[in-house]
PDB file of N, CA and C in Angstrom:
ATOM      1  N   MET A   1      -7.829  -5.186  -3.761  1.00  0.00           N
ATOM      2  CA  MET A   1      -7.152  -6.561  -4.379  1.00  0.00           C
ATOM      3  C   MET A   1      -5.730  -6.745  -3.952  1.00  0.00           C
ATOM      4  N   LYS A   2      -5.647  -7.892  -3.399  1.00  0.00           N
ATOM      5  CA  LYS A   2      -4.315  -8.053  -2.922  1.00  0.00           C
ATOM      6  C   LYS A   2      -3.201  -8.895  -4.217  1.00  0.00           C
ATOM      7  N   ASN A   3      -2.420  -8.463  -4.186  1.00  0.00           N
ATOM      8  CA  ASN A   3      -1.128  -9.202  -5.229  1.00  0.00           C
ATOM      9  C   ASN A   3       0.243  -9.601  -4.621  1.00  0.00           C
ATOM     10  N   ILE A   4       0.091  -9.431  -3.386  1.00  0.00           N
ATOM     11  CA  ILE A   4       1.326  -9.575  -2.786  1.00  0.00           C
ATOM     12  C   ILE A   4       1.294 -10.789  -1.581  1.00  0.00           C
ATOM     13  N   GLY A   5       2.266 -12.099  -1.997  1.00  0.00           N
ATOM     14  CA  GLY A   5       2.134 -13.133  -0.967  1.00  0.00           C
ATOM     15  C   GLY A   5       2.824 -13.345   0.066  1.00  0.00           C
ATOM     16  N   LYS A   6       2.938 -14.129   0.905  1.00  0.00           N
ATOM     17  CA  LYS A   6       3.571 -14.076   2.283  1.00  0.00           C
ATOM     18  C   LYS A   6       4.955 -13.818   2.221  1.00  0.00           C
ATOM     19  N   ILE A   7       5.552 -14.627   1.287  1.00  0.00           N
ATOM     20  CA  ILE A   7       7.097 -14.545   1.121  1.00  0.00           C
ATOM     21  C   ILE A   7       7.427 -13.210   0.660  1.00  0.00           C
ATOM     22  N   ASP A   8       6.798 -12.795  -0.314  1.00  0.00           N
ATOM     23  CA  ASP A   8       6.941 -11.352  -0.804  1.00  0.00           C
ATOM     24  C   ASP A   8       6.816 -10.300   0.244  1.00  0.00           C
ATOM     25  N   LYS A   9       6.005 -10.482   1.007  1.00  0.00           N
ATOM     26  CA  LYS A   9       5.861  -9.254   2.077  1.00  0.00           C
ATOM     27  C   LYS A   9       6.921  -9.308   3.046  1.00  0.00           C
ATOM     28  N   ILE A  10       7.462 -10.538   3.352  1.00  0.00           N
ATOM     29  CA  ILE A  10       8.206 -10.681   4.098  1.00  0.00           C
ATOM     30  C   ILE A  10       9.698 -10.046   3.633  1.00  0.00           C
ATOM     31  N   ILE A  11      10.115 -10.268   2.303  1.00  0.00           N
ATOM     32  CA  ILE A  11      11.086  -9.627   1.603  1.00  0.00           C
ATOM     33  C   ILE A  11      10.718  -8.483   1.882  1.00  0.00           C
ATOM     34  N   ARG A  12       9.910  -7.696   1.319  1.00  0.00           N
ATOM     35  CA  ARG A  12       9.547  -6.381   1.299  1.00  0.00           C
ATOM     36  C   ARG A  12       9.957  -5.759   2.708  1.00  0.00           C
ATOM     37  N   TYR A  13       9.424  -6.505   3.719  1.00  0.00           N
ATOM     38  CA  TYR A  13       9.727  -5.702   5.173  1.00  0.00           C
ATOM     39  C   TYR A  13      10.999  -5.702   5.274  1.00  0.00           C
ATOM     40  N   ILE A  14      12.009  -6.699   5.120  1.00  0.00           N
ATOM     41  CA  ILE A  14      13.194  -6.906   5.362  1.00  0.00           C
ATOM     42  C   ILE A  14      13.922  -5.669   4.811  1.00  0.00           C
ATOM     43  N   ILE A  15      13.819  -5.778   3.171  1.00  0.00           N
ATOM     44  CA  ILE A  15      14.493  -4.751   2.252  1.00  0.00           C
ATOM     45  C   ILE A  15      14.197  -3.120   2.920  1.00  0.00           C
ATOM     46  N   GLY A  16      12.700  -2.886   3.118  1.00  0.00           N
ATOM     47  CA  GLY A  16      12.171  -1.748   3.832  1.00  0.00           C
ATOM     48  C   GLY A  16      13.113  -1.367   5.182  1.00  0.00           C
ATOM     49  N   ILE A  17      13.153  -2.330   5.833  1.00  0.00           N
ATOM     50  CA  ILE A  17      13.746  -1.809   7.059  1.00  0.00           C
ATOM     51  C   ILE A  17      15.109  -1.563   7.117  1.00  0.00           C
ATOM     52  N   ALA A  18      15.899  -2.451   6.115  1.00  0.00           N
ATOM     53  CA  ALA A  18      17.350  -2.071   5.798  1.00  0.00           C
ATOM     54  C   ALA A  18      17.353  -0.572   5.340  1.00  0.00           C
ATOM     55  N   LEU A  19      16.464  -0.470   4.482  1.00  0.00           N
ATOM     56  CA  LEU A  19      16.753   0.991   3.683  1.00  0.00           C
ATOM     57  C   LEU A  19      16.444   1.816   4.986  1.00  0.00           C
ATOM     58  N   LEU A  20      15.789   1.917   5.577  1.00  0.00           N
ATOM     59  CA  LEU A  20      15.145   2.716   6.813  1.00  0.00           C
ATOM     60  C   LEU A  20      16.319   2.984   7.783  1.00  0.00           C
ATOM     61  N   SER A  21      17.093   1.975   7.827  1.00  0.00           N
ATOM     62  CA  SER A  21      18.264   2.086   8.780  1.00  0.00           C
ATOM     63  C   SER A  21      19.363   2.816   8.478  1.00  0.00           C
ATOM     64  N   LEU A  22      19.512   3.344   7.047  1.00  0.00           N
ATOM     65  CA  LEU A  22      20.198   4.280   6.583  1.00  0.00           C
ATOM     66  C   LEU A  22      20.113   5.441   7.201  1.00  0.00           C
ATOM     67  N   LEU A  23      18.595   5.945   7.715  1.00  0.00           N
ATOM     68  CA  LEU A  23      18.663   7.266   8.486  1.00  0.00           C
ATOM     69  C   LEU A  23      19.174   7.256   9.718  1.00  0.00           C
ATOM     70  N   PHE A  24      19.603   6.233  10.244  1.00  0.00           N
ATOM     71  CA  PHE A  24      20.385   6.354  11.612  1.00  0.00           C
ATOM     72  C   PHE A  24      21.898   5.705  11.157  1.00  0.00           C
ATOM     73  N   LEU A  25      22.306   5.135  10.376  1.00  0.00           N
ATOM     74  CA  LEU A  25      23.575   4.588  10.254  1.00  0.00           C
ATOM     75  C   LEU A  25      24.620   5.521   9.470  1.00  0.00           C
ATOM     76  N   VAL A  26      23.881   5.937   8.654  1.00  0.00           N
ATOM     77  CA  VAL A  26      24.981   7.221   7.457  1.00  0.00           C
ATOM     78  C   VAL A  26      24.645   8.412   8.189  1.00  0.00           C
ATOM     79  N   HIS A  27      25.797   9.148   8.250  1.00  0.00           N
ATOM     80  CA  HIS A  27      25.889  10.417   8.897  1.00  0.00           C
ATOM     81  C   HIS A  27      26.115  11.568   7.375  1.00  0.00           C
ATOM     82  N   SER A  28      25.732  11.404   6.411  1.00  0.00           N
ATOM     83  CA  SER A  28      25.713  12.385   5.449  1.00  0.00           C
ATOM     84  C   SER A  28      24.597  12.620   4.803  1.00  0.00           C
ATOM     85  N   ASN A  29      24.150  13.341   3.807  1.00  0.00           N
ATOM     86  CA  ASN A  29      23.062  13.625   3.178  1.00  0.00           C
ATOM     87  C   ASN A  29      22.215  12.452   2.212  1.00  0.00           C
ATOM     88  N   ILE A  30      23.159  11.638   2.006  1.00  0.00           N
ATOM     89  CA  ILE A  30      22.681  10.153   1.496  1.00  0.00           C
ATOM     90  C   ILE A  30      21.980   9.464   2.161  1.00  0.00           C
ATOM     91  N   ARG A  31      21.690   9.888   3.251  1.00  0.00           N
ATOM     92  CA  ARG A  31      20.938   8.983   4.381  1.00  0.00           C
ATOM     93  C   ARG A  31      19.487   9.114   4.300  1.00  0.00           C
ATOM     94  N   PHE A  32      18.996  10.237   3.838  1.00  0.00           N
ATOM     95  CA  PHE A  32      17.736  10.594   3.328  1.00  0.00           C
ATOM     96  C   PHE A  32      17.168   9.537   2.041  1.00  0.00           C
ATOM     97  N   LEU A  33      17.992   8.981   1.460  1.00  0.00           N
ATOM     98  CA  LEU A  33      17.681   7.705   0.583  1.00  0.00           C
ATOM     99  C   LEU A  33      16.949   6.854   1.329  1.00  0.00           C
ATOM    100  N   GLY A  34      17.332   6.793   2.570  1.00  0.00           N
ATOM    101  CA  GLY A  34      16.750   5.578   3.198  1.00  0.00           C
ATOM    102  C   GLY A  34      15.256   5.965   3.517  1.00  0.00           C
ATOM    103  N   LEU A  35      14.512   6.549   3.085  1.00  0.00           N
ATOM    104  CA  LEU A  35      13.151   7.086   3.205  1.00  0.00           C
ATOM    105  C   LEU A  35      12.601   6.158   1.856  1.00  0.00           C
ATOM    106  N   ILE A  36      13.018   5.916   1.052  1.00  0.00           N
ATOM    107  CA  ILE A  36      12.674   4.938  -0.037  1.00  0.00           C
ATOM    108  C   ILE A  36      12.154   3.753   0.501  1.00  0.00           C
ATOM    109  N   GLY A  37      12.694   3.299   1.771  1.00  0.00           N
ATOM    110  CA  GLY A  37      12.293   2.212   2.434  1.00  0.00           C
ATOM    111  C   GLY A  37      11.084   2.184   2.652  1.00  0.00           C
ATOM    112  N   LEU A  38      10.109   3.140   2.846  1.00  0.00           N
ATOM    113  CA  LEU A  38       8.669   3.284   3.373  1.00  0.00           C
ATOM    114  C   LEU A  38       7.745   2.653   1.904  1.00  0.00           C
ATOM    115  N   VAL A  39       8.286   2.672   0.814  1.00  0.00           N
ATOM    116  CA  VAL A  39       7.865   2.069  -0.380  1.00  0.00           C
ATOM    117  C   VAL A  39       7.567   0.745  -0.281  1.00  0.00           C
ATOM    118  N   PRO A  40       8.570  -0.248   0.136  1.00  0.00           N
ATOM    119  CA  PRO A  40       8.314  -1.571   0.435  1.00  0.00           C
ATOM    120  C   PRO A  40       7.423  -1.884   1.440  1.00  0.00           C
ATOM    121  N   ILE A  41       7.787  -1.059   2.506  1.00  0.00           N
ATOM    122  CA  ILE A  41       7.043  -1.654   3.781  1.00  0.00           C
ATOM    123  C   ILE A  41       5.514  -1.023   3.779  1.00  0.00           C
ATOM    124  N   LEU A  42       5.014  -0.085   2.726  1.00  0.00           N
ATOM    125  CA  LEU A  42       3.789   0.116   2.609  1.00  0.00           C
ATOM    126  C   LEU A  42       2.937  -0.793   1.890  1.00  0.00           C
ATOM    127  N   THR A  43       3.811  -1.039   0.886  1.00  0.00           N
ATOM    128  CA  THR A  43       3.144  -2.108  -0.239  1.00  0.00           C
ATOM    129  C   THR A  43       3.150  -3.375   0.482  1.00  0.00           C
ATOM    130  N   ALA A  44       3.616  -4.055   1.402  1.00  0.00           N
ATOM    131  CA  ALA A  44       3.518  -5.020   2.002  1.00  0.00           C
ATOM    132  C   ALA A  44       2.616  -5.060   3.116  1.00  0.00           C
ATOM    133  N   ALA A  45       2.408  -3.693   3.810  1.00  0.00           N
ATOM    134  CA  ALA A  45       1.301  -3.602   4.670  1.00  0.00           C
ATOM    135  C   ALA A  45       0.009  -3.994   3.961  1.00  0.00           C
ATOM    136  N   PHE A  46      -0.181  -3.191   2.953  1.00  0.00           N
ATOM    137  CA  PHE A  46      -1.308  -3.186   1.958  1.00  0.00           C
ATOM    138  C   PHE A  46      -1.602  -4.167   1.206  1.00  0.00           C
ATOM    139  N   GLY A  47      -0.496  -5.097   1.253  1.00  0.00           N
ATOM    140  CA  GLY A  47      -0.618  -6.295   0.330  1.00  0.00           C
ATOM    141  C   GLY A  47      -0.700  -6.040  -1.454  1.00  0.00           C
ATOM    142  N   PHE A  48      -0.549  -4.959  -1.398  1.00  0.00           N
ATOM    143  CA  PHE A  48      -0.789  -4.372  -2.800  1.00  0.00           C
ATOM    144  C   PHE A  48       0.538  -3.730  -3.648  1.00  0.00           C
ATOM    145  N   CYS A  49       0.969  -4.041  -4.772  1.00  0.00           N
ATOM    146  CA  CYS A  49       1.939  -3.398  -5.450  1.00  0.00           C
ATOM    147  C   CYS A  49       1.203  -2.826  -6.719  1.00  0.00           C
ATOM    148  N   PRO A  50       1.449  -1.536  -7.000  1.00  0.00           N
ATOM    149  CA  PRO A  50       0.920  -1.279  -8.327  1.00  0.00           C
ATOM    150  C   PRO A  50       1.956  -1.501  -9.706  1.00  0.00           C
ATOM    151  N   LEU A  51       3.074  -1.781  -9.493  1.00  0.00           N
ATOM    152  CA  LEU A  51       4.023  -2.175 -10.694  1.00  0.00           C
ATOM    153  C   LEU A  51       3.541  -3.644 -10.899  1.00  0.00           C
ATOM    154  N   TYR A  52       3.429  -4.653  -9.673  1.00  0.00           N
ATOM    155  CA  TYR A  52       2.666  -5.963 -10.027  1.00  0.00           C
ATOM    156  C   TYR A  52       1.402  -5.944 -10.823  1.00  0.00           C
ATOM    157  N   ALA A  53       0.663  -4.834 -10.271  1.00  0.00           N
ATOM    158  CA  ALA A  53      -0.843  -4.771 -11.185  1.00  0.00           C
ATOM    159  C   ALA A  53      -0.667  -4.566 -12.407  1.00  0.00           C
ATOM    160  N   LEU A  54       0.362  -3.453 -12.620  1.00  0.00           N
ATOM    161  CA  LEU A  54       0.672  -3.119 -14.305  1.00  0.00           C
ATOM    162  C   LEU A  54       1.115  -4.292 -14.893  1.00  0.00           C
ATOM    163  N   PHE A  55       1.983  -4.828 -14.596  1.00  0.00           N
ATOM    164  CA  PHE A  55       2.549  -6.016 -15.383  1.00  0.00           C
ATOM    165  C   PHE A  55       1.786  -7.691 -15.282  1.00  0.00           C
ATOM    166  N   GLY A  56       0.555  -7.399 -14.333  1.00  0.00           N
ATOM    167  CA  GLY A  56      -0.073  -8.672 -14.195  1.00  0.00           C
ATOM    168  C   GLY A  56       0.538  -9.638 -13.425  1.00  0.00           C
ATOM    169  N   ILE A  57       1.254  -9.212 -12.273  1.00  0.00           N
ATOM    170  CA  ILE A  57       1.763 -10.519 -11.456  1.00  0.00           C
ATOM    171  C   ILE A  57       1.455 -10.510 -10.200  1.00  0.00           C
ATOM    172  N   ASN A  58       1.064 -11.572  -9.931  1.00  0.00           N
ATOM    173  CA  ASN A  58       0.360 -12.030  -8.663  1.00  0.00           C
ATOM    174  C   ASN A  58       0.915 -12.938  -7.867  1.00  0.00           C
ATOM    175  N   THR A  59       1.593 -12.868  -6.644  1.00  0.00           N
ATOM    176  CA  THR A  59       2.224 -13.676  -5.796  1.00  0.00           C
ATOM    177  C   THR A  59       1.218 -14.209  -4.682  1.00  0.00           C
ATOM    178  N   CYS A  60       0.484 -13.901  -4.445  1.00  0.00           N
ATOM    179  CA  CYS A  60      -0.705 -14.369  -3.539  1.00  0.00           C
ATOM    180  C   CYS A  60      -0.828 -15.953  -4.170  1.00  0.00           C
ATOM    181  N   SER A  61      -1.084 -16.706  -2.803  1.00  0.00           N
ATOM    182  CA  SER A  61      -1.349 -18.158  -3.339  1.00  0.00           C
ATOM    183  C   SER A  61      -2.816 -18.505  -3.560  1.00  0.00           C
ATOM    184  N   THR A  62      -3.487 -17.530  -2.911  1.00  0.00           N
ATOM    185  CA  THR A  62      -5.177 -17.650  -2.758  1.00  0.00           C
ATOM    186  C   THR A  62      -5.782 -16.945  -3.692  1.00  0.00           C
ATOM    187  N   LYS A  63      -6.859 -17.226  -4.015  1.00  0.00           N
ATOM    188  CA  LYS A  63      -7.611 -16.363  -4.844  1.00  0.00           C
ATOM    189  C   LYS A  63      -8.197 -15.362  -3.760  1.00  0.00           C
ATOM    190  N   ASN A  64      -8.488 -13.751  -4.216  1.00  0.00           N
ATOM    191  CA  ASN A  64      -9.190 -12.908  -3.455  1.00  0.00           C
ATOM    192  C   ASN A  64     -10.394 -13.158  -3.603  1.00  0.00           C
ATOM    193  N   LYS A  65     -11.261 -12.858  -2.284  1.00  0.00           N
ATOM    194  CA  LYS A  65     -12.717 -13.361  -1.949  1.00  0.00           C
ATOM    195  C   LYS A  65     -13.216 -11.841  -1.825  1.00  0.00           C
ATOM    196  N   ASN A  66     -12.606 -10.861  -2.119  1.00  0.00           N
ATOM    197  CA  ASN A  66     -12.909  -9.262  -1.816  1.00  0.00           C
ATOM    198  C   ASN A  66     -13.919  -8.808  -2.614  1.00  0.00           C
ATOM    199  N   PHE A  67     -13.904  -9.305  -3.941  1.00  0.00           N
ATOM    200  CA  PHE A  67     -14.785  -8.967  -4.571  1.00  0.00           C
ATOM    201  C   PHE A  67     -15.807  -9.782  -5.142  1.00  0.00           C
ATOM    202  N   LEU A  68     -16.862  -9.146  -5.620  1.00  0.00           N
ATOM    203  CA  LEU A  68     -18.058  -9.887  -6.146  1.00  0.00           C
ATOM    204  C   LEU A  68     -18.046  -9.865  -7.680  1.00  0.00           C
ATOM    205  N   TYR A  69     -18.181 -10.877  -8.369  1.00  0.00           N
ATOM    206  CA  TYR A  69     -18.267 -10.913  -9.777  1.00  0.00           C
ATOM    207  C   TYR A  69     -19.392 -11.105 -10.145  1.00  0.00           C
ATOM    208  N   VAL A  70     -20.035 -10.428 -11.152  1.00  0.00           N
ATOM    209  CA  VAL A  70     -21.555 -10.551 -11.543  1.00  0.00           C
ATOM    210  C   VAL A  70     -21.281 -10.884 -12.869  1.00  0.00           C
ATOM    211  N   ILE A  71     -22.186 -12.151 -13.298  1.00  0.00           N
ATOM    212  CA  ILE A  71     -21.787 -12.273 -14.867  1.00  0.00           C
ATOM    213  C   ILE A  71     -23.295 -12.027 -15.282  1.00  0.00           C
ATOM    214  N   SER A  72     -23.328 -11.060 -16.315  1.00  0.00           N
ATOM    215  CA  SER A  72     -24.649 -10.595 -16.731  1.00  0.00           C
ATOM    216  C   SER A  72     -25.161 -11.151 -18.300  1.00  0.00           C
TER     217      SER A  72
END
């Protein structure tokens, strides 16, 4: 189930790339904090954010058609 919309994905990719750039731009041990940039990149790639699910946030503009809902 996806809960990340198009604009949200773009913002996450930009933030992720900016954080990952710390690995190459900073020359101290703090540069490894740039690995945190993998989190927004992966959530954007999968289209799912666990924190959004926890708080019931959904930035997708269309309904997901991945699940079959059965009414009994």
